[in-house]
Amino acid sequence: MSANSREEEVQKALGQLQMKMIDIQNSLRKSGAQIEGYKREIQRSKLTDKEINSLKANVPMFSPVGRMFVQNSKAEIREQIEKKIKTCEDDIKKQESSKSYLEKQMRECESQFKEKLGPITTTKKRS
């Protein structure tokens, strides 16, 4: 009877670990997707900056503000683009540190899972 309760307890713990691992995997996927999105945004901003740089300084330029466009100088628009690139790079660094933390948690969960799984496989082999 105590063996059954012990086995149920271990199975419950395994179920909780499995749910935690699934949550971590989902968070890892989201983090990876966000990093890729930031990289695409940086690439898009660099392409825009390259095109703007090829234009003359006196060409009228507009930047979006909500549902309207505001006329800005070439320098202001380039500054906005540089800020956007810098922000995306900072966000990538944050996401990568978060991702490394999640990977560490995942390894810990996997090792705990293996530790909990060990007694079950040895008791089943004896039976």
Protein backbone atom coordinates (compact mmCIF):
# COMPACT_ATOMS: atom_id res chain seq x y z
CA MET A 1 0.00 0.00 0.00
CA SER A 2 2.82 2.40 0.80
CA ALA A 3 4.53 1.40 -2.45
CA ASN A 4 1.41 2.37 -4.41
CA SER A 5 1.13 5.71 -2.63
CA ARG A 6 4.84 6.34 -3.23
CA GLU A 7 4.42 5.53 -6.91
CA GLU A 8 1.38 7.82 -7.18
CA GLU A 9 3.33 10.58 -5.47
CA VAL A 10 6.21 10.17 -7.93
CA GLN A 11 3.80 10.13 -10.87
CA LYS A 12 2.17 13.32 -9.58
CA ALA A 13 5.58 14.97 -9.29
CA LEU A 14 6.46 13.78 -12.80
CA GLY A 15 3.23 15.29 -14.13
CA GLN A 16 4.03 18.62 -12.49
CA LEU A 17 7.57 18.56 -13.91
CA GLN A 18 6.20 17.72 -17.32
CA MET A 19 3.79 20.69 -17.17
CA LYS A 20 6.64 22.96 -16.09
CA MET A 21 8.78 21.70 -18.98
CA ILE A 22 5.96 22.38 -21.44
CA ASP A 23 5.59 25.94 -20.08
CA ILE A 24 9.34 26.50 -20.41
CA GLN A 25 9.34 25.14 -23.97
CA ASN A 26 6.51 27.51 -24.90
CA SER A 27 8.39 30.43 -23.35
CA LEU A 28 11.52 29.43 -25.26
CA ARG A 29 9.59 29.37 -28.54
CA LYS A 30 8.08 32.79 -27.82
CA SER A 31 11.48 34.21 -26.92
CA GLY A 32 13.02 32.83 -30.12
CA ALA A 33 10.19 34.24 -32.20
CA GLN A 34 10.59 37.65 -30.57
CA ILE A 35 14.33 37.63 -31.26
CA GLU A 36 13.68 36.81 -34.91
CA GLY A 37 11.09 39.58 -35.09
CA TYR A 38 13.56 42.10 -33.66
CA LYS A 39 16.21 40.96 -36.16
CA ARG A 40 13.76 41.46 -39.05
CA GLU A 41 12.87 44.90 -37.71
CA ILE A 42 16.57 45.84 -37.56
CA GLN A 43 17.09 44.62 -41.12
CA ARG A 44 14.04 46.57 -42.33
CA SER A 45 15.22 49.71 -40.53
CA LYS A 46 18.70 49.42 -42.01
CA LEU A 47 17.26 49.07 -45.51
CA THR A 48 15.05 52.12 -44.93
CA ASP A 49 18.03 54.09 -43.63
CA LYS A 50 20.06 53.09 -46.69
CA GLU A 51 17.32 54.33 -49.03
CA ILE A 52 16.81 57.56 -47.10
CA ASN A 53 20.55 58.17 -47.10
CA SER A 54 20.58 58.05 -50.90
CA LEU A 55 18.02 60.89 -51.12
CA LYS A 56 18.87 64.59 -51.22
CA ALA A 57 18.56 66.57 -47.98
CA ASN A 58 15.87 68.91 -49.33
CA VAL A 59 13.45 66.12 -50.33
CA PRO A 60 10.28 66.29 -48.17
CA MET A 61 10.09 63.28 -45.84
CA PHE A 62 7.30 62.11 -43.61
CA SER A 63 7.17 59.83 -40.60
CA PRO A 64 4.02 58.06 -39.38
CA VAL A 65 2.41 59.23 -36.14
CA GLY A 66 -0.67 57.19 -35.40
CA ARG A 67 -3.05 57.64 -38.32
CA MET A 68 -1.28 60.62 -39.84
CA PHE A 69 2.10 61.58 -41.26
CA VAL A 70 4.31 64.40 -40.01
CA GLN A 71 6.91 66.10 -42.16
CA ASN A 72 10.43 65.77 -40.72
CA SER A 73 13.92 66.51 -41.87
CA LYS A 74 16.19 63.80 -43.18
CA ALA A 75 18.34 64.01 -40.02
CA GLU A 76 15.31 63.57 -37.73
CA ILE A 77 14.10 60.53 -39.61
CA ARG A 78 17.56 58.96 -39.62
CA GLU A 79 17.80 59.63 -35.88
CA GLN A 80 14.44 57.90 -35.33
CA ILE A 81 15.64 54.91 -37.33
CA GLU A 82 18.89 54.72 -35.34
CA LYS A 83 16.89 54.83 -32.08
CA LYS A 84 14.66 52.04 -33.33
CA ILE A 85 17.68 49.90 -34.24
CA LYS A 86 19.28 50.55 -30.84
CA THR A 87 16.04 49.66 -29.04
CA CYS A 88 15.70 46.43 -31.00
CA GLU A 89 19.31 45.48 -30.26
CA ASP A 90 18.73 46.08 -26.55
CA ASP A 91 15.55 44.01 -26.67
CA ILE A 92 17.43 41.20 -28.40
CA LYS A 93 20.01 41.20 -25.59
CA LYS A 94 17.23 41.03 -22.99
CA GLN A 95 15.50 38.19 -24.82
CA GLU A 96 18.75 36.25 -25.22
CA SER A 97 19.48 36.51 -21.49
CA SER A 98 15.92 35.41 -20.78
CA LYS A 99 16.32 32.56 -23.24
CA SER A 100 19.55 31.37 -21.61
CA TYR A 101 17.82 31.44 -18.21
CA LEU A 102 14.93 29.40 -19.60
CA GLU A 103 17.36 26.90 -21.15
CA LYS A 104 19.05 26.52 -17.76
CA GLN A 105 15.66 25.91 -16.13
CA MET A 106 14.86 23.35 -18.82
CA ARG A 107 18.07 21.42 -18.13
CA GLU A 108 17.29 21.45 -14.40
CA CYS A 109 13.76 20.15 -15.04
CA GLU A 110 15.12 17.42 -17.30
CA SER A 111 17.60 16.31 -14.64
CA GLN A 112 14.86 16.32 -11.98
CA PHE A 113 12.64 14.36 -14.35
CA LYS A 114 15.36 11.75 -14.83
CA GLU A 115 15.92 11.55 -11.06
CA LYS A 116 12.21 10.98 -10.42
CA LEU A 117 11.94 8.54 -13.29
CA GLY A 118 14.87 6.45 -12.03
CA PRO A 119 13.08 4.85 -9.02
CA ILE A 120 10.03 3.96 -11.11
CA THR A 121 12.01 2.12 -13.77
CA THR A 122 14.04 0.20 -11.16
CA THR A 123 10.90 -0.89 -9.22
CA LYS A 124 9.18 -2.01 -12.43
CA LYS A 125 12.23 -4.02 -13.48
CA ARG A 126 12.19 -5.88 -10.15
CA SER A 127 8.50 -6.86 -10.54
